Amino acid sequence: MKTNWRFVLAVLAAAAGGTMFFTGCEKNNPGDPNAAVTVNFTGNYRNGGGSITAPPLASGAVTELDLTQQGTVLDAVDNFGTLYTGSLGSVPETNNPTASFSLRSAVMTNGQINITGTLRKTAATVAQMTGTWITPGSVANISATAAVSATVSNTAAATVVTNVTVVITNDTSRFPLR
């Protein structure tokens, strides 16, 4: 029986490409979007209309950080449009649950921004963020609060790919059989 190597190569390439497609999105994501977390810290964190960092950063005042939580995965954007990704630590079952968190920006011209600290529910619909804002050449404290939802959403958004077509031809000019 003669092996059709073009068919084998096509199937392997399709399988490898599918694996890279479905796993590539999570490569740099340290959290788990499907983790069962009982507390929701999603909110727009501010500090009374002023800077959430003290002292304010040389690049300007960061006045808000819009944080989104999906399981233990955190995504955020500040008022300058800088995007951050990170993770939430474990959350104990208490009346005022507190969790550690970390966020990191993409590497920019002037370096990378790292934010670490704690998120604490101070009431059913209020959360407080405290921590440290670290940029190349400067460090600042963070203090901000946000109105948050009392309910938790642990349903990860999914993208379903349908109608995948693999075309196998008998063109031996590109891959001649030996």
N, C-alpha and C. Protein backbone atom coordinates (compact mmCIF):
# COMPACT_ATOMS: atom_id res chain seq x y z
N MET A 1 0.85 -1.18 0.00
CA MET A 1 0.00 0.00 0.00
C MET A 1 0.89 1.24 0.00
N LYS A 2 0.61 2.15 -0.90
CA LYS A 2 1.41 3.35 -1.06
C LYS A 2 0.82 4.47 -0.18
N THR A 3 1.70 5.13 0.60
CA THR A 3 1.27 6.21 1.48
C THR A 3 1.16 7.50 0.70
N ASN A 4 0.04 8.18 0.85
CA ASN A 4 -0.16 9.46 0.20
C ASN A 4 0.38 10.54 1.16
N TRP A 5 1.64 10.92 0.97
CA TRP A 5 2.31 11.86 1.88
C TRP A 5 1.69 13.25 1.84
N ARG A 6 1.15 13.64 0.70
CA ARG A 6 0.50 14.95 0.64
C ARG A 6 -0.70 14.99 1.58
N PHE A 7 -1.45 13.92 1.61
CA PHE A 7 -2.61 13.85 2.49
C PHE A 7 -2.15 13.90 3.95
N VAL A 8 -1.13 13.14 4.29
CA VAL A 8 -0.62 13.12 5.66
C VAL A 8 -0.12 14.51 6.05
N LEU A 9 0.64 15.17 5.17
CA LEU A 9 1.15 16.50 5.46
C LEU A 9 0.02 17.50 5.62
N ALA A 10 -1.01 17.41 4.79
CA ALA A 10 -2.14 18.33 4.87
C ALA A 10 -2.88 18.17 6.20
N VAL A 11 -3.09 16.93 6.62
CA VAL A 11 -3.79 16.68 7.89
C VAL A 11 -2.95 17.19 9.06
N LEU A 12 -1.63 16.91 9.04
CA LEU A 12 -0.77 17.38 10.12
C LEU A 12 -0.71 18.91 10.17
N ALA A 13 -0.64 19.54 9.00
CA ALA A 13 -0.60 21.00 8.96
C ALA A 13 -1.90 21.59 9.50
N ALA A 14 -3.03 20.99 9.13
CA ALA A 14 -4.32 21.48 9.62
C ALA A 14 -4.42 21.30 11.13
N ALA A 15 -3.97 20.18 11.64
CA ALA A 15 -4.02 19.94 13.09
C ALA A 15 -3.10 20.90 13.83
N ALA A 16 -1.90 21.11 13.33
CA ALA A 16 -0.96 22.02 13.97
C ALA A 16 -1.48 23.46 13.92
N GLY A 17 -2.01 23.86 12.80
CA GLY A 17 -2.56 25.21 12.67
C GLY A 17 -3.74 25.42 13.59
N GLY A 18 -4.62 24.44 13.72
CA GLY A 18 -5.75 24.54 14.64
C GLY A 18 -5.30 24.63 16.08
N THR A 19 -4.30 23.85 16.44
CA THR A 19 -3.79 23.89 17.80
C THR A 19 -3.19 25.26 18.10
N MET A 20 -2.41 25.82 17.18
CA MET A 20 -1.83 27.13 17.39
C MET A 20 -2.91 28.20 17.46
N PHE A 21 -3.98 28.05 16.64
CA PHE A 21 -5.06 29.03 16.63
C PHE A 21 -5.77 29.08 17.97
N PHE A 22 -6.09 27.90 18.52
CA PHE A 22 -6.86 27.86 19.75
C PHE A 22 -6.02 28.12 20.99
N THR A 23 -4.72 27.83 20.97
CA THR A 23 -3.90 28.05 22.16
C THR A 23 -3.14 29.35 22.11
N GLY A 24 -2.98 29.95 20.97
CA GLY A 24 -2.17 31.16 20.85
C GLY A 24 -2.75 32.35 21.59
N CYS A 25 -4.06 32.40 21.75
CA CYS A 25 -4.69 33.53 22.40
C CYS A 25 -4.34 33.61 23.88
N GLU A 26 -4.07 32.48 24.51
CA GLU A 26 -3.83 32.45 25.94
C GLU A 26 -2.35 32.46 26.30
N LYS A 27 -1.48 32.60 25.35
CA LYS A 27 -0.04 32.46 25.59
C LYS A 27 0.48 33.36 26.71
N ASN A 28 0.11 34.63 26.72
CA ASN A 28 0.64 35.55 27.70
C ASN A 28 -0.34 35.85 28.82
N ASN A 29 -1.37 35.07 28.96
CA ASN A 29 -2.38 35.33 29.95
C ASN A 29 -2.14 34.46 31.17
N PRO A 30 -1.72 35.05 32.30
CA PRO A 30 -1.35 34.26 33.46
C PRO A 30 -2.52 33.72 34.26
N GLY A 31 -3.72 34.23 34.08
CA GLY A 31 -4.87 33.81 34.87
C GLY A 31 -5.68 32.73 34.19
N ASP A 32 -6.76 32.35 34.84
CA ASP A 32 -7.67 31.35 34.31
C ASP A 32 -9.05 31.98 34.17
N PRO A 33 -9.53 32.19 32.93
CA PRO A 33 -10.83 32.83 32.75
C PRO A 33 -11.99 31.98 33.24
N ASN A 34 -11.77 30.69 33.44
CA ASN A 34 -12.84 29.80 33.89
C ASN A 34 -12.76 29.48 35.38
N ALA A 35 -11.84 30.11 36.10
CA ALA A 35 -11.70 29.84 37.52
C ALA A 35 -12.96 30.28 38.26
N ALA A 36 -13.36 29.48 39.23
CA ALA A 36 -14.54 29.80 40.03
C ALA A 36 -14.16 30.81 41.10
N VAL A 37 -14.39 32.09 40.81
CA VAL A 37 -14.10 33.16 41.74
C VAL A 37 -15.42 33.69 42.27
N THR A 38 -15.51 33.86 43.59
CA THR A 38 -16.78 34.24 44.21
C THR A 38 -16.93 35.74 44.40
N VAL A 39 -15.94 36.52 43.96
CA VAL A 39 -15.98 37.97 44.15
C VAL A 39 -15.74 38.65 42.81
N ASN A 40 -16.47 39.74 42.56
CA ASN A 40 -16.32 40.50 41.32
C ASN A 40 -15.63 41.83 41.63
N PHE A 41 -14.46 42.06 41.02
CA PHE A 41 -13.73 43.32 41.19
C PHE A 41 -13.78 44.20 39.94
N THR A 42 -14.60 43.83 38.94
CA THR A 42 -14.72 44.63 37.72
C THR A 42 -15.28 46.01 38.06
N GLY A 43 -14.59 47.06 37.60
CA GLY A 43 -15.09 48.41 37.86
C GLY A 43 -14.15 49.47 37.33
N ASN A 44 -14.60 50.72 37.39
CA ASN A 44 -13.80 51.86 36.97
C ASN A 44 -13.23 52.50 38.24
N TYR A 45 -11.93 52.26 38.47
CA TYR A 45 -11.28 52.70 39.71
C TYR A 45 -10.81 54.15 39.57
N ARG A 46 -11.21 55.00 40.54
CA ARG A 46 -10.87 56.42 40.57
C ARG A 46 -10.51 56.81 42.00
N ASN A 47 -9.98 58.03 42.13
CA ASN A 47 -9.65 58.55 43.44
C ASN A 47 -10.18 59.97 43.56
N GLY A 48 -11.46 60.11 43.73
CA GLY A 48 -12.07 61.42 43.93
C GLY A 48 -11.79 62.42 42.83
N GLY A 49 -11.58 61.98 41.61
CA GLY A 49 -11.33 62.88 40.50
C GLY A 49 -9.87 63.27 40.34
N GLY A 50 -9.02 62.91 41.30
CA GLY A 50 -7.60 63.23 41.20
C GLY A 50 -6.82 62.03 40.69
N SER A 51 -5.51 62.11 40.82
CA SER A 51 -4.63 61.03 40.37
C SER A 51 -4.78 59.83 41.30
N ILE A 52 -4.78 58.62 40.70
CA ILE A 52 -4.83 57.41 41.53
C ILE A 52 -3.44 57.04 42.03
N THR A 53 -2.41 57.72 41.50
CA THR A 53 -1.05 57.46 41.95
C THR A 53 -0.54 58.65 42.77
N ALA A 54 0.25 58.36 43.79
CA ALA A 54 0.85 59.42 44.59
C ALA A 54 2.32 59.11 44.76
N PRO A 55 3.25 59.94 44.27
CA PRO A 55 2.98 61.18 43.55
C PRO A 55 2.49 60.89 42.13
N PRO A 56 1.86 61.91 41.49
CA PRO A 56 1.46 61.72 40.09
C PRO A 56 2.68 61.40 39.23
N LEU A 57 2.47 60.64 38.18
CA LEU A 57 3.57 60.24 37.31
C LEU A 57 4.03 61.40 36.44
N ALA A 58 5.28 61.36 36.03
CA ALA A 58 5.85 62.42 35.18
C ALA A 58 5.10 62.54 33.86
N SER A 59 4.55 61.41 33.37
CA SER A 59 3.84 61.41 32.09
C SER A 59 2.46 62.04 32.19
N GLY A 60 2.00 62.33 33.40
CA GLY A 60 0.69 62.92 33.59
C GLY A 60 -0.09 62.12 34.63
N ALA A 61 -1.19 62.68 35.07
CA ALA A 61 -1.98 62.05 36.12
C ALA A 61 -2.82 60.90 35.57
N VAL A 62 -2.66 59.74 36.15
CA VAL A 62 -3.54 58.61 35.85
C VAL A 62 -4.74 58.78 36.76
N THR A 63 -5.86 59.14 36.18
CA THR A 63 -7.05 59.46 36.98
C THR A 63 -8.04 58.31 37.07
N GLU A 64 -7.89 57.31 36.21
CA GLU A 64 -8.79 56.17 36.29
C GLU A 64 -8.16 54.94 35.67
N LEU A 65 -8.59 53.81 36.17
CA LEU A 65 -8.16 52.51 35.66
C LEU A 65 -9.41 51.65 35.55
N ASP A 66 -9.81 51.36 34.32
CA ASP A 66 -11.02 50.57 34.06
C ASP A 66 -10.63 49.10 34.05
N LEU A 67 -11.02 48.37 35.08
CA LEU A 67 -10.60 46.98 35.30
C LEU A 67 -11.73 46.01 34.96
N THR A 68 -11.39 44.95 34.21
CA THR A 68 -12.34 43.90 33.88
C THR A 68 -11.78 42.58 34.38
N GLN A 69 -12.61 41.82 35.08
CA GLN A 69 -12.22 40.53 35.63
C GLN A 69 -13.03 39.42 34.98
N GLN A 70 -12.36 38.37 34.55
CA GLN A 70 -13.01 37.16 34.03
C GLN A 70 -12.32 35.99 34.70
N GLY A 71 -12.94 35.38 35.69
CA GLY A 71 -12.26 34.36 36.49
C GLY A 71 -11.13 35.02 37.24
N THR A 72 -9.89 34.54 37.05
CA THR A 72 -8.73 35.19 37.67
C THR A 72 -7.95 36.04 36.67
N VAL A 73 -8.48 36.21 35.48
CA VAL A 73 -7.83 37.03 34.44
C VAL A 73 -8.28 38.48 34.61
N LEU A 74 -7.32 39.39 34.60
CA LEU A 74 -7.61 40.82 34.69
C LEU A 74 -7.14 41.52 33.43
N ASP A 75 -7.95 42.43 32.92
CA ASP A 75 -7.59 43.32 31.82
C ASP A 75 -7.96 44.72 32.28
N ALA A 76 -7.15 45.70 31.91
CA ALA A 76 -7.43 47.07 32.33
C ALA A 76 -6.96 48.03 31.25
N VAL A 77 -7.52 49.23 31.31
CA VAL A 77 -7.09 50.34 30.45
C VAL A 77 -7.14 51.60 31.30
N ASP A 78 -6.09 52.44 31.20
CA ASP A 78 -6.10 53.68 31.96
C ASP A 78 -6.63 54.82 31.10
N ASN A 79 -6.70 56.02 31.66
CA ASN A 79 -7.27 57.16 30.94
C ASN A 79 -6.39 57.62 29.77
N PHE A 80 -5.17 57.10 29.64
CA PHE A 80 -4.32 57.40 28.48
C PHE A 80 -4.49 56.36 27.38
N GLY A 81 -5.28 55.31 27.64
CA GLY A 81 -5.49 54.25 26.66
C GLY A 81 -4.47 53.12 26.74
N THR A 82 -3.61 53.14 27.75
CA THR A 82 -2.64 52.06 27.93
C THR A 82 -3.36 50.81 28.38
N LEU A 83 -3.07 49.68 27.72
CA LEU A 83 -3.70 48.40 28.05
C LEU A 83 -2.81 47.59 28.98
N TYR A 84 -3.45 46.88 29.91
CA TYR A 84 -2.75 46.05 30.88
C TYR A 84 -3.42 44.68 30.93
N THR A 85 -2.63 43.64 31.18
CA THR A 85 -3.17 42.31 31.42
C THR A 85 -2.53 41.79 32.70
N GLY A 86 -3.24 40.90 33.37
CA GLY A 86 -2.68 40.37 34.61
C GLY A 86 -3.57 39.32 35.22
N SER A 87 -3.39 39.12 36.52
CA SER A 87 -4.13 38.07 37.19
C SER A 87 -4.49 38.47 38.61
N LEU A 88 -5.45 37.75 39.13
CA LEU A 88 -5.97 37.93 40.48
C LEU A 88 -5.53 36.74 41.30
N GLY A 89 -5.06 37.00 42.52
CA GLY A 89 -4.69 35.91 43.42
C GLY A 89 -5.94 35.26 44.01
N SER A 90 -5.76 34.29 44.87
CA SER A 90 -6.90 33.60 45.48
C SER A 90 -7.67 34.56 46.38
N VAL A 91 -8.98 34.35 46.42
CA VAL A 91 -9.88 35.21 47.19
C VAL A 91 -10.49 34.39 48.32
N PRO A 92 -10.18 34.71 49.57
CA PRO A 92 -10.77 33.96 50.69
C PRO A 92 -12.24 34.30 50.87
N GLU A 93 -12.98 33.37 51.41
CA GLU A 93 -14.40 33.57 51.69
C GLU A 93 -14.52 34.31 53.02
N THR A 94 -14.60 35.64 52.97
CA THR A 94 -14.76 36.45 54.19
C THR A 94 -15.78 37.53 53.91
N ASN A 95 -16.11 38.31 54.95
CA ASN A 95 -17.06 39.41 54.78
C ASN A 95 -16.49 40.52 53.90
N ASN A 96 -15.20 40.79 54.02
CA ASN A 96 -14.54 41.80 53.19
C ASN A 96 -13.39 41.13 52.44
N PRO A 97 -13.69 40.33 51.41
CA PRO A 97 -12.65 39.56 50.73
C PRO A 97 -11.58 40.46 50.11
N THR A 98 -10.34 40.01 50.24
CA THR A 98 -9.18 40.72 49.70
C THR A 98 -8.38 39.76 48.85
N ALA A 99 -7.90 40.24 47.71
CA ALA A 99 -7.08 39.40 46.84
C ALA A 99 -5.91 40.22 46.32
N SER A 100 -4.77 39.56 46.16
CA SER A 100 -3.64 40.22 45.52
C SER A 100 -3.90 40.26 44.02
N PHE A 101 -3.27 41.22 43.34
CA PHE A 101 -3.40 41.30 41.89
C PHE A 101 -2.10 41.82 41.31
N SER A 102 -1.91 41.55 40.02
CA SER A 102 -0.79 42.14 39.29
C SER A 102 -1.26 42.44 37.88
N LEU A 103 -0.79 43.56 37.35
CA LEU A 103 -1.09 43.98 35.99
C LEU A 103 0.21 44.42 35.34
N ARG A 104 0.31 44.22 34.05
CA ARG A 104 1.52 44.60 33.31
C ARG A 104 1.09 45.15 31.95
N SER A 105 1.72 46.26 31.57
CA SER A 105 1.44 46.82 30.25
C SER A 105 2.32 46.12 29.22
N ALA A 106 2.03 46.37 27.97
CA ALA A 106 2.94 45.93 26.91
C ALA A 106 4.22 46.74 27.04
N VAL A 107 5.29 46.25 26.48
CA VAL A 107 6.54 47.01 26.51
C VAL A 107 6.39 48.20 25.56
N MET A 108 6.58 49.39 26.12
CA MET A 108 6.42 50.62 25.34
C MET A 108 7.79 51.27 25.14
N THR A 109 7.82 52.36 24.42
CA THR A 109 9.07 53.07 24.15
C THR A 109 9.80 53.42 25.45
N ASN A 110 9.06 53.88 26.44
CA ASN A 110 9.68 54.29 27.70
C ASN A 110 9.68 53.17 28.75
N GLY A 111 9.47 51.93 28.34
CA GLY A 111 9.51 50.79 29.26
C GLY A 111 8.15 50.19 29.52
N GLN A 112 8.11 49.33 30.50
CA GLN A 112 6.89 48.61 30.84
C GLN A 112 6.37 49.08 32.20
N ILE A 113 5.06 49.15 32.33
CA ILE A 113 4.43 49.53 33.59
C ILE A 113 3.98 48.26 34.30
N ASN A 114 4.32 48.14 35.58
CA ASN A 114 3.88 47.03 36.42
C ASN A 114 3.07 47.59 37.57
N ILE A 115 1.93 46.99 37.83
CA ILE A 115 1.07 47.41 38.93
C ILE A 115 0.81 46.17 39.79
N THR A 116 1.09 46.27 41.08
CA THR A 116 0.82 45.16 42.00
C THR A 116 0.15 45.71 43.24
N GLY A 117 -0.66 44.89 43.87
CA GLY A 117 -1.32 45.35 45.08
C GLY A 117 -2.43 44.44 45.51
N THR A 118 -3.44 45.03 46.16
CA THR A 118 -4.58 44.27 46.64
C THR A 118 -5.88 44.93 46.20
N LEU A 119 -6.86 44.10 45.99
CA LEU A 119 -8.22 44.53 45.73
C LEU A 119 -9.05 44.02 46.91
N ARG A 120 -9.89 44.89 47.48
CA ARG A 120 -10.67 44.50 48.65
C ARG A 120 -12.09 44.99 48.50
N LYS A 121 -13.04 44.10 48.72
CA LYS A 121 -14.45 44.48 48.73
C LYS A 121 -14.71 45.12 50.09
N THR A 122 -15.09 46.40 50.09
CA THR A 122 -15.39 47.09 51.34
C THR A 122 -16.88 47.11 51.63
N ALA A 123 -17.68 46.80 50.63
CA ALA A 123 -19.13 46.68 50.75
C ALA A 123 -19.59 45.79 49.59
N ALA A 124 -20.87 45.47 49.55
CA ALA A 124 -21.37 44.57 48.51
C ALA A 124 -21.08 45.09 47.11
N THR A 125 -21.11 46.43 46.93
CA THR A 125 -20.90 46.99 45.59
C THR A 125 -19.79 48.03 45.54
N VAL A 126 -18.83 47.95 46.46
CA VAL A 126 -17.69 48.87 46.47
C VAL A 126 -16.41 48.08 46.66
N ALA A 127 -15.40 48.39 45.85
CA ALA A 127 -14.09 47.74 45.99
C ALA A 127 -13.01 48.80 46.06
N GLN A 128 -11.95 48.47 46.78
CA GLN A 128 -10.82 49.39 46.94
C GLN A 128 -9.56 48.74 46.36
N MET A 129 -8.78 49.54 45.61
CA MET A 129 -7.51 49.10 45.04
C MET A 129 -6.39 49.87 45.74
N THR A 130 -5.42 49.14 46.28
CA THR A 130 -4.22 49.76 46.84
C THR A 130 -3.02 48.99 46.32
N GLY A 131 -1.90 49.67 46.17
CA GLY A 131 -0.73 48.96 45.69
C GLY A 131 0.36 49.89 45.22
N THR A 132 1.16 49.39 44.29
CA THR A 132 2.33 50.10 43.79
C THR A 132 2.31 50.13 42.27
N TRP A 133 2.61 51.30 41.72
CA TRP A 133 2.70 51.54 40.28
C TRP A 133 4.18 51.69 39.99
N ILE A 134 4.75 50.81 39.17
CA ILE A 134 6.19 50.79 38.92
C ILE A 134 6.45 51.02 37.44
N THR A 135 7.20 52.07 37.15
CA THR A 135 7.65 52.34 35.79
C THR A 135 9.17 52.49 35.84
N PRO A 136 9.84 52.38 34.70
CA PRO A 136 11.29 52.60 34.73
C PRO A 136 11.61 54.00 35.28
N GLY A 137 12.31 54.05 36.38
CA GLY A 137 12.71 55.33 36.95
C GLY A 137 11.74 55.92 37.95
N SER A 138 10.57 55.32 38.19
CA SER A 138 9.66 55.88 39.18
C SER A 138 8.79 54.81 39.81
N VAL A 139 8.41 55.08 41.04
CA VAL A 139 7.50 54.20 41.79
C VAL A 139 6.49 55.11 42.47
N ALA A 140 5.22 54.71 42.46
CA ALA A 140 4.17 55.50 43.10
C ALA A 140 3.19 54.57 43.80
N ASN A 141 2.54 55.08 44.82
CA ASN A 141 1.48 54.32 45.50
C ASN A 141 0.18 54.50 44.74
N ILE A 142 -0.70 53.50 44.84
CA ILE A 142 -2.02 53.54 44.20
C ILE A 142 -3.09 53.53 45.27
N SER A 143 -4.11 54.34 45.09
CA SER A 143 -5.28 54.31 45.96
C SER A 143 -6.48 54.72 45.12
N ALA A 144 -7.45 53.81 45.00
CA ALA A 144 -8.63 54.10 44.19
C ALA A 144 -9.79 53.22 44.63
N THR A 145 -11.00 53.65 44.35
CA THR A 145 -12.19 52.86 44.64
C THR A 145 -13.05 52.77 43.39
N ALA A 146 -13.92 51.76 43.38
CA ALA A 146 -14.82 51.57 42.24
C ALA A 146 -16.15 51.02 42.71
N ALA A 147 -17.20 51.39 42.00
CA ALA A 147 -18.49 50.73 42.17
C ALA A 147 -18.41 49.44 41.38
N VAL A 148 -18.74 48.32 42.02
CA VAL A 148 -18.66 47.02 41.37
C VAL A 148 -19.98 46.29 41.53
N SER A 149 -20.17 45.29 40.70
CA SER A 149 -21.39 44.49 40.76
C SER A 149 -21.29 43.50 41.92
N ALA A 150 -22.41 43.24 42.55
CA ALA A 150 -22.44 42.26 43.63
C ALA A 150 -22.44 40.84 43.09
N THR A 151 -22.76 40.68 41.79
CA THR A 151 -22.82 39.35 41.19
C THR A 151 -21.51 39.03 40.48
N VAL A 152 -21.27 37.76 40.29
CA VAL A 152 -20.04 37.28 39.66
C VAL A 152 -20.38 36.62 38.35
N SER A 153 -19.58 36.91 37.32
CA SER A 153 -19.72 36.25 36.03
C SER A 153 -18.45 35.47 35.76
N ASN A 154 -18.56 34.14 35.72
CA ASN A 154 -17.40 33.30 35.42
C ASN A 154 -17.52 32.64 34.06
N THR A 155 -18.40 33.15 33.22
CA THR A 155 -18.58 32.58 31.90
C THR A 155 -17.61 33.23 30.94
N ALA A 156 -16.67 32.46 30.45
CA ALA A 156 -15.69 33.00 29.50
C ALA A 156 -16.33 33.18 28.14
N ALA A 157 -15.97 34.25 27.47
CA ALA A 157 -16.44 34.46 26.11
C ALA A 157 -15.73 33.47 25.20
N ALA A 158 -16.47 32.85 24.31
CA ALA A 158 -15.87 31.84 23.43
C ALA A 158 -16.12 32.21 21.98
N THR A 159 -15.17 31.93 21.16
CA THR A 159 -15.31 32.11 19.72
C THR A 159 -15.36 30.73 19.09
N VAL A 160 -16.42 30.46 18.37
CA VAL A 160 -16.58 29.17 17.74
C VAL A 160 -16.23 29.30 16.26
N VAL A 161 -15.36 28.45 15.79
CA VAL A 161 -14.96 28.46 14.39
C VAL A 161 -15.71 27.36 13.68
N THR A 162 -16.41 27.71 12.61
CA THR A 162 -17.14 26.71 11.84
C THR A 162 -16.73 26.79 10.39
N ASN A 163 -17.15 25.82 9.64
CA ASN A 163 -16.89 25.75 8.21
C ASN A 163 -15.40 25.80 7.86
N VAL A 164 -14.61 25.00 8.55
CA VAL A 164 -13.20 24.89 8.23
C VAL A 164 -13.07 23.92 7.07
N THR A 165 -12.39 24.34 6.00
CA THR A 165 -12.25 23.52 4.81
C THR A 165 -10.79 23.21 4.57
N VAL A 166 -10.47 21.94 4.34
CA VAL A 166 -9.13 21.53 3.96
C VAL A 166 -9.21 21.05 2.53
N VAL A 167 -8.39 21.64 1.66
CA VAL A 167 -8.39 21.26 0.25
C VAL A 167 -7.13 20.45 -0.02
N ILE A 168 -7.33 19.25 -0.54
CA ILE A 168 -6.22 18.37 -0.89
C ILE A 168 -6.24 18.20 -2.39
N THR A 169 -5.11 18.49 -3.02
CA THR A 169 -5.04 18.37 -4.47
C THR A 169 -4.01 17.32 -4.84
N ASN A 170 -4.00 16.96 -6.08
CA ASN A 170 -3.02 16.00 -6.60
C ASN A 170 -1.91 16.72 -7.35
N ASP A 171 -1.68 17.99 -7.05
CA ASP A 171 -0.63 18.76 -7.70
C ASP A 171 0.72 18.32 -7.13
N THR A 172 1.49 17.60 -7.92
CA THR A 172 2.80 17.10 -7.45
C THR A 172 3.93 18.04 -7.82
N SER A 173 3.63 19.17 -8.44
CA SER A 173 4.69 20.08 -8.86
C SER A 173 5.34 20.75 -7.65
N ARG A 174 4.59 20.98 -6.56
CA ARG A 174 5.14 21.63 -5.39
C ARG A 174 5.73 20.64 -4.40
N PHE A 175 5.16 19.44 -4.33
CA PHE A 175 5.65 18.40 -3.43
C PHE A 175 5.74 17.08 -4.21
N PRO A 176 6.75 16.93 -5.03
CA PRO A 176 6.83 15.71 -5.85
C PRO A 176 7.02 14.48 -4.98
N LEU A 177 6.32 13.42 -5.34
CA LEU A 177 6.48 12.15 -4.65
C LEU A 177 7.76 11.46 -5.12
N ARG A 178 8.40 10.76 -4.27
CA ARG A 178 9.62 10.04 -4.65
C ARG A 178 9.38 8.58 -4.60
